[in-house]
Amino acid sequence: MTDVTLSASAAARVAAIAEKQAKPAILRLSVEGGGCSGFQYRFGLADGVEADDSIAETDGVTLVVDAVSIDLVRGSEVDFVESLGGAAFRVTNPQAASGCGCGTSFAI
């Protein structure tokens, strides 16, 4: 089992963004302290994969998570959701004991 997964809709969105920015289709997910629930997710395009990254691939797009963050998101899926409130990457994290309304922070 992979540590994290990337949905097909998230992979398609990353591929589109990477193509516009002429970067590799690599999405980095990291976890930082802060946010309204204690931790918050950060997303960004990465130029490459680090030696200690956990890696998941979907439809030619790579999701990478650093060694520190992986313990907080193991078992999660990264999805891309479009709704009336806007479009955003969303993490479904089975380890999160609580979250917040904005969906970008969580507590364990």
PDB file of N, CA and C in Angstrom:
ATOM      1  N   MET A   1       0.844  -1.194   0.000  1.00  0.00           N
ATOM      2  CA  MET A   1       0.000   0.000   0.000  1.00  0.00           C
ATOM      3  C   MET A   1       0.887   1.253   0.000  1.00  0.00           C
ATOM      4  N   THR A   2       0.482   2.219  -0.782  1.00  0.00           N
ATOM      5  CA  THR A   2       1.252   3.458  -0.798  1.00  0.00           C
ATOM      6  C   THR A   2       0.870   4.309   0.409  1.00  0.00           C
ATOM      7  N   ASP A   3       1.786   5.158   0.820  1.00  0.00           N
ATOM      8  CA  ASP A   3       1.551   6.010   1.987  1.00  0.00           C
ATOM      9  C   ASP A   3       0.472   7.046   1.725  1.00  0.00           C
ATOM     10  N   VAL A   4       0.466   7.607   0.518  1.00  0.00           N
ATOM     11  CA  VAL A   4      -0.531   8.607   0.129  1.00  0.00           C
ATOM     12  C   VAL A   4      -0.944   8.324  -1.307  1.00  0.00           C
ATOM     13  N   THR A   5      -2.131   8.795  -1.688  1.00  0.00           N
ATOM     14  CA  THR A   5      -2.590   8.612  -3.063  1.00  0.00           C
ATOM     15  C   THR A   5      -3.038   9.944  -3.636  1.00  0.00           C
ATOM     16  N   LEU A   6      -3.033  10.024  -4.946  1.00  0.00           N
ATOM     17  CA  LEU A   6      -3.429  11.208  -5.690  1.00  0.00           C
ATOM     18  C   LEU A   6      -4.591  10.807  -6.586  1.00  0.00           C
ATOM     19  N   SER A   7      -5.732  11.472  -6.457  1.00  0.00           N
ATOM     20  CA  SER A   7      -6.887  11.129  -7.278  1.00  0.00           C
ATOM     21  C   SER A   7      -6.650  11.527  -8.733  1.00  0.00           C
ATOM     22  N   ALA A   8      -7.443  10.954  -9.625  1.00  0.00           N
ATOM     23  CA  ALA A   8      -7.318  11.273 -11.052  1.00  0.00           C
ATOM     24  C   ALA A   8      -7.618  12.751 -11.310  1.00  0.00           C
ATOM     25  N   SER A   9      -8.597  13.325 -10.603  1.00  0.00           N
ATOM     26  CA  SER A   9      -8.918  14.744 -10.825  1.00  0.00           C
ATOM     27  C   SER A   9      -7.789  15.640 -10.332  1.00  0.00           C
ATOM     28  N   ALA A  10      -7.148  15.268  -9.218  1.00  0.00           N
ATOM     29  CA  ALA A  10      -6.007  16.047  -8.732  1.00  0.00           C
ATOM     30  C   ALA A  10      -4.835  15.929  -9.698  1.00  0.00           C
ATOM     31  N   ALA A  11      -4.605  14.719 -10.212  1.00  0.00           N
ATOM     32  CA  ALA A  11      -3.508  14.518 -11.167  1.00  0.00           C
ATOM     33  C   ALA A  11      -3.719  15.372 -12.414  1.00  0.00           C
ATOM     34  N   ALA A  12      -4.951  15.409 -12.913  1.00  0.00           N
ATOM     35  CA  ALA A  12      -5.251  16.204 -14.111  1.00  0.00           C
ATOM     36  C   ALA A  12      -5.008  17.689 -13.846  1.00  0.00           C
ATOM     37  N   ARG A  13      -5.385  18.160 -12.659  1.00  0.00           N
ATOM     38  CA  ARG A  13      -5.194  19.575 -12.319  1.00  0.00           C
ATOM     39  C   ARG A  13      -3.708  19.910 -12.204  1.00  0.00           C
ATOM     40  N   VAL A  14      -2.939  19.038 -11.548  1.00  0.00           N
ATOM     41  CA  VAL A  14      -1.492  19.264 -11.415  1.00  0.00           C
ATOM     42  C   VAL A  14      -0.852  19.303 -12.793  1.00  0.00           C
ATOM     43  N   ALA A  15      -1.243  18.372 -13.665  1.00  0.00           N
ATOM     44  CA  ALA A  15      -0.676  18.335 -15.022  1.00  0.00           C
ATOM     45  C   ALA A  15      -0.953  19.636 -15.762  1.00  0.00           C
ATOM     46  N   ALA A  16      -2.166  20.167 -15.630  1.00  0.00           N
ATOM     47  CA  ALA A  16      -2.531  21.411 -16.311  1.00  0.00           C
ATOM     48  C   ALA A  16      -1.723  22.590 -15.769  1.00  0.00           C
ATOM     49  N   ILE A  17      -1.593  22.676 -14.444  1.00  0.00           N
ATOM     50  CA  ILE A  17      -0.828  23.773 -13.832  1.00  0.00           C
ATOM     51  C   ILE A  17       0.646  23.670 -14.225  1.00  0.00           C
ATOM     52  N   ALA A  18       1.193  22.468 -14.160  1.00  0.00           N
ATOM     53  CA  ALA A  18       2.610  22.265 -14.485  1.00  0.00           C
ATOM     54  C   ALA A  18       2.889  22.636 -15.935  1.00  0.00           C
ATOM     55  N   GLU A  19       1.966  22.285 -16.827  1.00  0.00           N
ATOM     56  CA  GLU A  19       2.155  22.615 -18.240  1.00  0.00           C
ATOM     57  C   GLU A  19       2.168  24.120 -18.452  1.00  0.00           C
ATOM     58  N   LYS A  20       1.248  24.836 -17.788  1.00  0.00           N
ATOM     59  CA  LYS A  20       1.195  26.299 -17.907  1.00  0.00           C
ATOM     60  C   LYS A  20       2.471  26.945 -17.395  1.00  0.00           C
ATOM     61  N   GLN A  21       3.039  26.381 -16.330  1.00  0.00           N
ATOM     62  CA  GLN A  21       4.236  26.970 -15.723  1.00  0.00           C
ATOM     63  C   GLN A  21       5.523  26.349 -16.266  1.00  0.00           C
ATOM     64  N   ALA A  22       5.403  25.448 -17.224  1.00  0.00           N
ATOM     65  CA  ALA A  22       6.563  24.762 -17.820  1.00  0.00           C
ATOM     66  C   ALA A  22       7.439  24.110 -16.754  1.00  0.00           C
ATOM     67  N   LYS A  23       6.789  23.419 -15.816  1.00  0.00           N
ATOM     68  CA  LYS A  23       7.490  22.711 -14.743  1.00  0.00           C
ATOM     69  C   LYS A  23       7.142  21.230 -14.824  1.00  0.00           C
ATOM     70  N   PRO A  24       7.918  20.393 -14.136  1.00  0.00           N
ATOM     71  CA  PRO A  24       7.558  18.979 -14.101  1.00  0.00           C
ATOM     72  C   PRO A  24       6.246  18.793 -13.330  1.00  0.00           C
ATOM     73  N   ALA A  25       5.494  17.748 -13.667  1.00  0.00           N
ATOM     74  CA  ALA A  25       4.201  17.477 -13.021  1.00  0.00           C
ATOM     75  C   ALA A  25       4.439  16.754 -11.694  1.00  0.00           C
ATOM     76  N   ILE A  26       4.996  17.504 -10.731  1.00  0.00           N
ATOM     77  CA  ILE A  26       5.294  16.963  -9.404  1.00  0.00           C
ATOM     78  C   ILE A  26       4.638  17.884  -8.375  1.00  0.00           C
ATOM     79  N   LEU A  27       3.703  17.340  -7.604  1.00  0.00           N
ATOM     80  CA  LEU A  27       3.036  18.098  -6.553  1.00  0.00           C
ATOM     81  C   LEU A  27       3.638  17.714  -5.209  1.00  0.00           C
ATOM     82  N   ARG A  28       4.091  18.718  -4.460  1.00  0.00           N
ATOM     83  CA  ARG A  28       4.628  18.463  -3.116  1.00  0.00           C
ATOM     84  C   ARG A  28       3.563  18.826  -2.090  1.00  0.00           C
ATOM     85  N   LEU A  29       3.271  17.870  -1.218  1.00  0.00           N
ATOM     86  CA  LEU A  29       2.390  18.092  -0.080  1.00  0.00           C
ATOM     87  C   LEU A  29       3.255  18.115   1.164  1.00  0.00           C
ATOM     88  N   SER A  30       3.115  19.161   1.956  1.00  0.00           N
ATOM     89  CA  SER A  30       3.839  19.212   3.224  1.00  0.00           C
ATOM     90  C   SER A  30       2.879  19.659   4.311  1.00  0.00           C
ATOM     91  N   VAL A  31       3.260  19.402   5.544  1.00  0.00           N
ATOM     92  CA  VAL A  31       2.447  19.769   6.693  1.00  0.00           C
ATOM     93  C   VAL A  31       3.257  20.728   7.541  1.00  0.00           C
ATOM     94  N   GLU A  32       2.623  21.833   7.935  1.00  0.00           N
ATOM     95  CA  GLU A  32       3.273  22.828   8.785  1.00  0.00           C
ATOM     96  C   GLU A  32       2.438  23.036  10.025  1.00  0.00           C
ATOM     97  N   GLY A  33       3.076  23.463  11.099  1.00  0.00           N
ATOM     98  CA  GLY A  33       2.340  23.858  12.284  1.00  0.00           C
ATOM     99  C   GLY A  33       1.584  25.135  11.995  1.00  0.00           C
ATOM    100  N   GLY A  34       0.393  25.268  12.585  1.00  0.00           N
ATOM    101  CA  GLY A  34      -0.383  26.485  12.372  1.00  0.00           C
ATOM    102  C   GLY A  34      -1.782  26.165  11.920  1.00  0.00           C
ATOM    103  N   GLY A  35      -2.459  27.140  11.392  1.00  0.00           N
ATOM    104  CA  GLY A  35      -3.842  26.939  10.984  1.00  0.00           C
ATOM    105  C   GLY A  35      -4.753  26.945  12.197  1.00  0.00           C
ATOM    106  N   CYS A  36      -6.048  26.834  11.957  1.00  0.00           N
ATOM    107  CA  CYS A  36      -6.985  26.928  13.084  1.00  0.00           C
ATOM    108  C   CYS A  36      -7.089  25.636  13.879  1.00  0.00           C
ATOM    109  N   SER A  37      -6.536  24.521  13.386  1.00  0.00           N
ATOM    110  CA  SER A  37      -6.651  23.257  14.118  1.00  0.00           C
ATOM    111  C   SER A  37      -5.312  22.664  14.554  1.00  0.00           C
ATOM    112  N   GLY A  38      -4.206  23.355  14.335  1.00  0.00           N
ATOM    113  CA  GLY A  38      -2.914  22.866  14.819  1.00  0.00           C
ATOM    114  C   GLY A  38      -1.905  22.575  13.723  1.00  0.00           C
ATOM    115  N   PHE A  39      -2.363  21.962  12.619  1.00  0.00           N
ATOM    116  CA  PHE A  39      -1.488  21.689  11.468  1.00  0.00           C
ATOM    117  C   PHE A  39      -2.199  22.197  10.222  1.00  0.00           C
ATOM    118  N   GLN A  40      -1.422  22.557   9.211  1.00  0.00           N
ATOM    119  CA  GLN A  40      -2.051  22.924   7.944  1.00  0.00           C
ATOM    120  C   GLN A  40      -1.296  22.317   6.777  1.00  0.00           C
ATOM    121  N   TYR A  41      -2.042  22.022   5.715  1.00  0.00           N
ATOM    122  CA  TYR A  41      -1.472  21.443   4.501  1.00  0.00           C
ATOM    123  C   TYR A  41      -0.914  22.553   3.621  1.00  0.00           C
ATOM    124  N   ARG A  42       0.212  22.271   2.976  1.00  0.00           N
ATOM    125  CA  ARG A  42       0.792  23.186   1.998  1.00  0.00           C
ATOM    126  C   ARG A  42       1.014  22.405   0.701  1.00  0.00           C
ATOM    127  N   PHE A  43       0.647  23.020  -0.409  1.00  0.00           N
ATOM    128  CA  PHE A  43       0.836  22.414  -1.725  1.00  0.00           C
ATOM    129  C   PHE A  43       1.721  23.309  -2.569  1.00  0.00           C
ATOM    130  N   GLY A  44       2.515  22.714  -3.426  1.00  0.00           N
ATOM    131  CA  GLY A  44       3.312  23.484  -4.368  1.00  0.00           C
ATOM    132  C   GLY A  44       3.911  22.564  -5.407  1.00  0.00           C
ATOM    133  N   LEU A  45       4.207  23.108  -6.568  1.00  0.00           N
ATOM    134  CA  LEU A  45       4.901  22.321  -7.581  1.00  0.00           C
ATOM    135  C   LEU A  45       6.355  22.159  -7.154  1.00  0.00           C
ATOM    136  N   ALA A  46       6.886  20.971  -7.345  1.00  0.00           N
ATOM    137  CA  ALA A  46       8.284  20.701  -6.993  1.00  0.00           C
ATOM    138  C   ALA A  46       9.095  20.551  -8.264  1.00  0.00           C
ATOM    139  N   ASP A  47      10.368  20.931  -8.177  1.00  0.00           N
ATOM    140  CA  ASP A  47      11.257  20.778  -9.331  1.00  0.00           C
ATOM    141  C   ASP A  47      11.791  19.362  -9.438  1.00  0.00           C
ATOM    142  N   GLY A  48      11.749  18.632  -8.331  1.00  0.00           N
ATOM    143  CA  GLY A  48      12.267  17.270  -8.348  1.00  0.00           C
ATOM    144  C   GLY A  48      11.877  16.532  -7.089  1.00  0.00           C
ATOM    145  N   VAL A  49      12.351  15.297  -6.993  1.00  0.00           N
ATOM    146  CA  VAL A  49      12.044  14.426  -5.870  1.00  0.00           C
ATOM    147  C   VAL A  49      13.282  14.345  -4.977  1.00  0.00           C
ATOM    148  N   GLU A  50      13.087  14.505  -3.675  1.00  0.00           N
ATOM    149  CA  GLU A  50      14.189  14.388  -2.716  1.00  0.00           C
ATOM    150  C   GLU A  50      14.373  12.917  -2.335  1.00  0.00           C
ATOM    151  N   ALA A  51      15.547  12.573  -1.843  1.00  0.00           N
ATOM    152  CA  ALA A  51      15.883  11.183  -1.533  1.00  0.00           C
ATOM    153  C   ALA A  51      14.963  10.564  -0.485  1.00  0.00           C
ATOM    154  N   ASP A  52      14.496  11.379   0.483  1.00  0.00           N
ATOM    155  CA  ASP A  52      13.675  10.807   1.556  1.00  0.00           C
ATOM    156  C   ASP A  52      12.171  11.016   1.347  1.00  0.00           C
ATOM    157  N   ASP A  53      11.755  11.431   0.144  1.00  0.00           N
ATOM    158  CA  ASP A  53      10.339  11.641  -0.141  1.00  0.00           C
ATOM    159  C   ASP A  53       9.585  10.326  -0.270  1.00  0.00           C
ATOM    160  N   SER A  54       8.337  10.329   0.174  1.00  0.00           N
ATOM    161  CA  SER A  54       7.401   9.262  -0.176  1.00  0.00           C
ATOM    162  C   SER A  54       6.760   9.691  -1.488  1.00  0.00           C
ATOM    163  N   ILE A  55       6.557   8.740  -2.385  1.00  0.00           N
ATOM    164  CA  ILE A  55       6.130   9.063  -3.747  1.00  0.00           C
ATOM    165  C   ILE A  55       4.888   8.275  -4.109  1.00  0.00           C
ATOM    166  N   ALA A  56       3.929   8.940  -4.755  1.00  0.00           N
ATOM    167  CA  ALA A  56       2.760   8.280  -5.339  1.00  0.00           C
ATOM    168  C   ALA A  56       2.609   8.826  -6.750  1.00  0.00           C
ATOM    169  N   GLU A  57       2.216   7.966  -7.676  1.00  0.00           N
ATOM    170  CA  GLU A  57       2.031   8.412  -9.054  1.00  0.00           C
ATOM    171  C   GLU A  57       0.638   8.063  -9.544  1.00  0.00           C
ATOM    172  N   THR A  58       0.020   8.999 -10.264  1.00  0.00           N
ATOM    173  CA  THR A  58      -1.281   8.796 -10.887  1.00  0.00           C
ATOM    174  C   THR A  58      -1.255   9.468 -12.249  1.00  0.00           C
ATOM    175  N   ASP A  59      -1.554   8.705 -13.291  1.00  0.00           N
ATOM    176  CA  ASP A  59      -1.666   9.258 -14.646  1.00  0.00           C
ATOM    177  C   ASP A  59      -0.464  10.107 -15.046  1.00  0.00           C
ATOM    178  N   GLY A  60       0.737   9.677 -14.672  1.00  0.00           N
ATOM    179  CA  GLY A  60       1.946  10.385 -15.060  1.00  0.00           C
ATOM    180  C   GLY A  60       2.295  11.583 -14.190  1.00  0.00           C
ATOM    181  N   VAL A  61       1.504  11.835 -13.151  1.00  0.00           N
ATOM    182  CA  VAL A  61       1.761  12.933 -12.224  1.00  0.00           C
ATOM    183  C   VAL A  61       2.281  12.339 -10.914  1.00  0.00           C
ATOM    184  N   THR A  62       3.270  12.984 -10.334  1.00  0.00           N
ATOM    185  CA  THR A  62       3.894  12.493  -9.108  1.00  0.00           C
ATOM    186  C   THR A  62       3.489  13.355  -7.922  1.00  0.00           C
ATOM    187  N   LEU A  63       3.113  12.694  -6.829  1.00  0.00           N
ATOM    188  CA  LEU A  63       2.856  13.356  -5.551  1.00  0.00           C
ATOM    189  C   LEU A  63       4.000  12.988  -4.632  1.00  0.00           C
ATOM    190  N   VAL A  64       4.659  13.989  -4.040  1.00  0.00           N
ATOM    191  CA  VAL A  64       5.760  13.720  -3.118  1.00  0.00           C
ATOM    192  C   VAL A  64       5.454  14.338  -1.752  1.00  0.00           C
ATOM    193  N   VAL A  65       5.869  13.616  -0.707  1.00  0.00           N
ATOM    194  CA  VAL A  65       5.675  14.078   0.668  1.00  0.00           C
ATOM    195  C   VAL A  65       6.986  13.857   1.406  1.00  0.00           C
ATOM    196  N   ASP A  66       7.462  14.885   2.118  1.00  0.00           N
ATOM    197  CA  ASP A  66       8.737  14.770   2.828  1.00  0.00           C
ATOM    198  C   ASP A  66       8.623  13.814   4.015  1.00  0.00           C
ATOM    199  N   ALA A  67       9.766  13.380   4.520  1.00  0.00           N
ATOM    200  CA  ALA A  67       9.831  12.355   5.563  1.00  0.00           C
ATOM    201  C   ALA A  67       9.161  12.793   6.859  1.00  0.00           C
ATOM    202  N   VAL A  68       9.196  14.073   7.192  1.00  0.00           N
ATOM    203  CA  VAL A  68       8.572  14.552   8.424  1.00  0.00           C
ATOM    204  C   VAL A  68       7.053  14.591   8.265  1.00  0.00           C
ATOM    205  N   SER A  69       6.584  15.097   7.144  1.00  0.00           N
ATOM    206  CA  SER A  69       5.145  15.261   6.925  1.00  0.00           C
ATOM    207  C   SER A  69       4.429  13.928   6.735  1.00  0.00           C
ATOM    208  N   ILE A  70       5.107  12.913   6.202  1.00  0.00           N
ATOM    209  CA  ILE A  70       4.425  11.659   5.859  1.00  0.00           C
ATOM    210  C   ILE A  70       3.781  11.012   7.074  1.00  0.00           C
ATOM    211  N   ASP A  71       4.392  11.160   8.251  1.00  0.00           N
ATOM    212  CA  ASP A  71       3.804  10.565   9.454  1.00  0.00           C
ATOM    213  C   ASP A  71       2.444  11.171   9.782  1.00  0.00           C
ATOM    214  N   LEU A  72       2.203  12.403   9.360  1.00  0.00           N
ATOM    215  CA  LEU A  72       0.943  13.090   9.650  1.00  0.00           C
ATOM    216  C   LEU A  72      -0.117  12.869   8.577  1.00  0.00           C
ATOM    217  N   VAL A  73       0.287  12.386   7.404  1.00  0.00           N
ATOM    218  CA  VAL A  73      -0.681  12.222   6.308  1.00  0.00           C
ATOM    219  C   VAL A  73      -0.735  10.796   5.758  1.00  0.00           C
ATOM    220  N   ARG A  74      -0.069   9.856   6.418  1.00  0.00           N
ATOM    221  CA  ARG A  74      -0.063   8.472   5.928  1.00  0.00           C
ATOM    222  C   ARG A  74      -1.494   7.959   5.779  1.00  0.00           C
ATOM    223  N   GLY A  75      -1.789   7.355   4.631  1.00  0.00           N
ATOM    224  CA  GLY A  75      -3.123   6.833   4.372  1.00  0.00           C
ATOM    225  C   GLY A  75      -4.069   7.836   3.736  1.00  0.00           C
ATOM    226  N   SER A  76      -3.587   9.045   3.481  1.00  0.00           N
ATOM    227  CA  SER A  76      -4.440  10.108   2.947  1.00  0.00           C
ATOM    228  C   SER A  76      -4.573  10.035   1.428  1.00  0.00           C
ATOM    229  N   GLU A  77      -5.636  10.666   0.943  1.00  0.00           N
ATOM    230  CA  GLU A  77      -5.791  10.868  -0.497  1.00  0.00           C
ATOM    231  C   GLU A  77      -5.858  12.362  -0.766  1.00  0.00           C
ATOM    232  N   VAL A  78      -5.129  12.796  -1.791  1.00  0.00           N
ATOM    233  CA  VAL A  78      -5.198  14.187  -2.240  1.00  0.00           C
ATOM    234  C   VAL A  78      -6.148  14.221  -3.436  1.00  0.00           C
ATOM    235  N   ASP A  79      -7.166  15.057  -3.333  1.00  0.00           N
ATOM    236  CA  ASP A  79      -8.176  15.169  -4.383  1.00  0.00           C
ATOM    237  C   ASP A  79      -8.252  16.627  -4.814  1.00  0.00           C
ATOM    238  N   PHE A  80      -8.851  16.861  -5.985  1.00  0.00           N
ATOM    239  CA  PHE A  80      -9.108  18.230  -6.432  1.00  0.00           C
ATOM    240  C   PHE A  80     -10.616  18.370  -6.550  1.00  0.00           C
ATOM    241  N   VAL A  81     -11.181  19.312  -5.805  1.00  0.00           N
ATOM    242  CA  VAL A  81     -12.630  19.454  -5.715  1.00  0.00           C
ATOM    243  C   VAL A  81     -13.039  20.827  -6.209  1.00  0.00           C
ATOM    244  N   GLU A  82     -14.043  20.851  -7.074  1.00  0.00           N
ATOM    245  CA  GLU A  82     -14.600  22.120  -7.524  1.00  0.00           C
ATOM    246  C   GLU A  82     -16.016  22.239  -6.978  1.00  0.00           C
ATOM    247  N   SER A  83     -16.299  23.364  -6.331  1.00  0.00           N
ATOM    248  CA  SER A  83     -17.621  23.579  -5.757  1.00  0.00           C
ATOM    249  C   SER A  83     -17.984  25.054  -5.899  1.00  0.00           C
ATOM    250  N   LEU A  84     -19.152  25.412  -5.393  1.00  0.00           N
ATOM    251  CA  LEU A  84     -19.556  26.823  -5.444  1.00  0.00           C
ATOM    252  C   LEU A  84     -18.580  27.707  -4.693  1.00  0.00           C
ATOM    253  N   GLY A  85     -17.953  27.162  -3.653  1.00  0.00           N
ATOM    254  CA  GLY A  85     -17.007  27.929  -2.858  1.00  0.00           C
ATOM    255  C   GLY A  85     -15.661  28.101  -3.532  1.00  0.00           C
ATOM    256  N   GLY A  86     -15.455  27.464  -4.672  1.00  0.00           N
ATOM    257  CA  GLY A  86     -14.187  27.568  -5.381  1.00  0.00           C
ATOM    258  C   GLY A  86     -13.606  26.193  -5.644  1.00  0.00           C
ATOM    259  N   ALA A  87     -12.419  26.171  -6.162  1.00  0.00           N
ATOM    260  CA  ALA A  87     -11.741  24.926  -6.484  1.00  0.00           C
ATOM    261  C   ALA A  87     -10.482  24.828  -5.643  1.00  0.00           C
ATOM    262  N   ALA A  88     -10.211  23.629  -5.126  1.00  0.00           N
ATOM    263  CA  ALA A  88      -9.050  23.492  -4.249  1.00  0.00           C
ATOM    264  C   ALA A  88      -8.612  22.041  -4.158  1.00  0.00           C
ATOM    265  N   PHE A  89      -7.332  21.858  -3.831  1.00  0.00           N
ATOM    266  CA  PHE A  89      -6.852  20.529  -3.486  1.00  0.00           C
ATOM    267  C   PHE A  89      -7.347  20.237  -2.072  1.00  0.00           C
ATOM    268  N   ARG A  90      -7.815  19.015  -1.856  1.00  0.00           N
ATOM    269  CA  ARG A  90      -8.331  18.633  -0.540  1.00  0.00           C
ATOM    270  C   ARG A  90      -7.687  17.321  -0.117  1.00  0.00           C
ATOM    271  N   VAL A  91      -7.318  17.237   1.151  1.00  0.00           N
ATOM    272  CA  VAL A  91      -6.702  16.034   1.692  1.00  0.00           C
ATOM    273  C   VAL A  91      -7.728  15.302   2.545  1.00  0.00           C
ATOM    274  N   THR A  92      -7.986  14.037   2.209  1.00  0.00           N
ATOM    275  CA  THR A  92      -8.821  13.188   3.052  1.00  0.00           C
ATOM    276  C   THR A  92      -7.860  12.392   3.921  1.00  0.00           C
ATOM    277  N   ASN A  93      -7.757  12.779   5.187  1.00  0.00           N
ATOM    278  CA  ASN A  93      -6.746  12.238   6.089  1.00  0.00           C
ATOM    279  C   ASN A  93      -7.412  11.410   7.184  1.00  0.00           C
ATOM    280  N   PRO A  94      -7.256  10.079   7.142  1.00  0.00           N
ATOM    281  CA  PRO A  94      -7.887   9.239   8.161  1.00  0.00           C
ATOM    282  C   PRO A  94      -7.296   9.441   9.561  1.00  0.00           C
ATOM    283  N   GLN A  95      -6.123  10.052   9.653  1.00  0.00           N
ATOM    284  CA  GLN A  95      -5.498  10.289  10.954  1.00  0.00           C
ATOM    285  C   GLN A  95      -6.018  11.539  11.643  1.00  0.00           C
ATOM    286  N   ALA A  96      -6.643  12.428  10.886  1.00  0.00           N
ATOM    287  CA  ALA A  96      -7.087  13.703  11.465  1.00  0.00           C
ATOM    288  C   ALA A  96      -8.253  13.464  12.418  1.00  0.00           C
ATOM    289  N   ALA A  97      -8.060  13.832  13.665  1.00  0.00           N
ATOM    290  CA  ALA A  97      -9.111  13.678  14.666  1.00  0.00           C
ATOM    291  C   ALA A  97     -10.154  14.774  14.518  1.00  0.00           C
ATOM    292  N   SER A  98      -9.735  15.921  14.066  1.00  0.00           N
ATOM    293  CA  SER A  98     -10.657  17.021  13.834  1.00  0.00           C
ATOM    294  C   SER A  98     -10.101  17.906  12.742  1.00  0.00           C
ATOM    295  N   GLY A  99     -10.976  18.631  12.106  1.00  0.00           N
ATOM    296  CA  GLY A  99     -10.561  19.531  11.043  1.00  0.00           C
ATOM    297  C   GLY A  99     -11.201  20.881  11.274  1.00  0.00           C
ATOM    298  N   CYS A 100     -11.219  21.684  10.231  1.00  0.00           N
ATOM    299  CA  CYS A 100     -11.841  22.997  10.350  1.00  0.00           C
ATOM    300  C   CYS A 100     -12.700  23.226   9.129  1.00  0.00           C
ATOM    301  N   GLY A 101     -13.478  24.251   9.158  1.00  0.00           N
ATOM    302  CA  GLY A 101     -14.381  24.544   8.059  1.00  0.00           C
ATOM    303  C   GLY A 101     -13.674  24.819   6.754  1.00  0.00           C
ATOM    304  N   CYS A 102     -12.468  25.367   6.821  1.00  0.00           N
ATOM    305  CA  CYS A 102     -11.773  25.724   5.584  1.00  0.00           C
ATOM    306  C   CYS A 102     -11.147  24.508   4.907  1.00  0.00           C
ATOM    307  N   GLY A 103     -11.005  23.400   5.657  1.00  0.00           N
ATOM    308  CA  GLY A 103     -10.480  22.174   5.066  1.00  0.00           C
ATOM    309  C   GLY A 103      -8.983  22.163   4.839  1.00  0.00           C
ATOM    310  N   THR A 104      -8.266  23.194   5.292  1.00  0.00           N
ATOM    311  CA  THR A 104      -6.828  23.233   5.068  1.00  0.00           C
ATOM    312  C   THR A 104      -6.025  22.968   6.333  1.00  0.00           C
ATOM    313  N   SER A 105      -6.690  22.826   7.474  1.00  0.00           N
ATOM    314  CA  SER A 105      -5.952  22.520   8.682  1.00  0.00           C
ATOM    315  C   SER A 105      -6.621  21.380   9.435  1.00  0.00           C
ATOM    316  N   PHE A 106      -5.869  20.745  10.321  1.00  0.00           N
ATOM    317  CA  PHE A 106      -6.381  19.565  11.014  1.00  0.00           C
ATOM    318  C   PHE A 106      -5.642  19.364  12.312  1.00  0.00           C
ATOM    319  N   ALA A 107      -6.173  18.494  13.169  1.00  0.00           N
ATOM    320  CA  ALA A 107      -5.533  18.114  14.422  1.00  0.00           C
ATOM    321  C   ALA A 107      -5.492  16.605  14.499  1.00  0.00           C
ATOM    322  N   ILE A 108      -4.513  16.090  15.237  1.00  0.00           N
ATOM    323  CA  ILE A 108      -4.380  14.638  15.394  1.00  0.00           C
ATOM    324  C   ILE A 108      -4.542  14.301  16.868  1.00  0.00           C
TER     325      ILE A 108
END
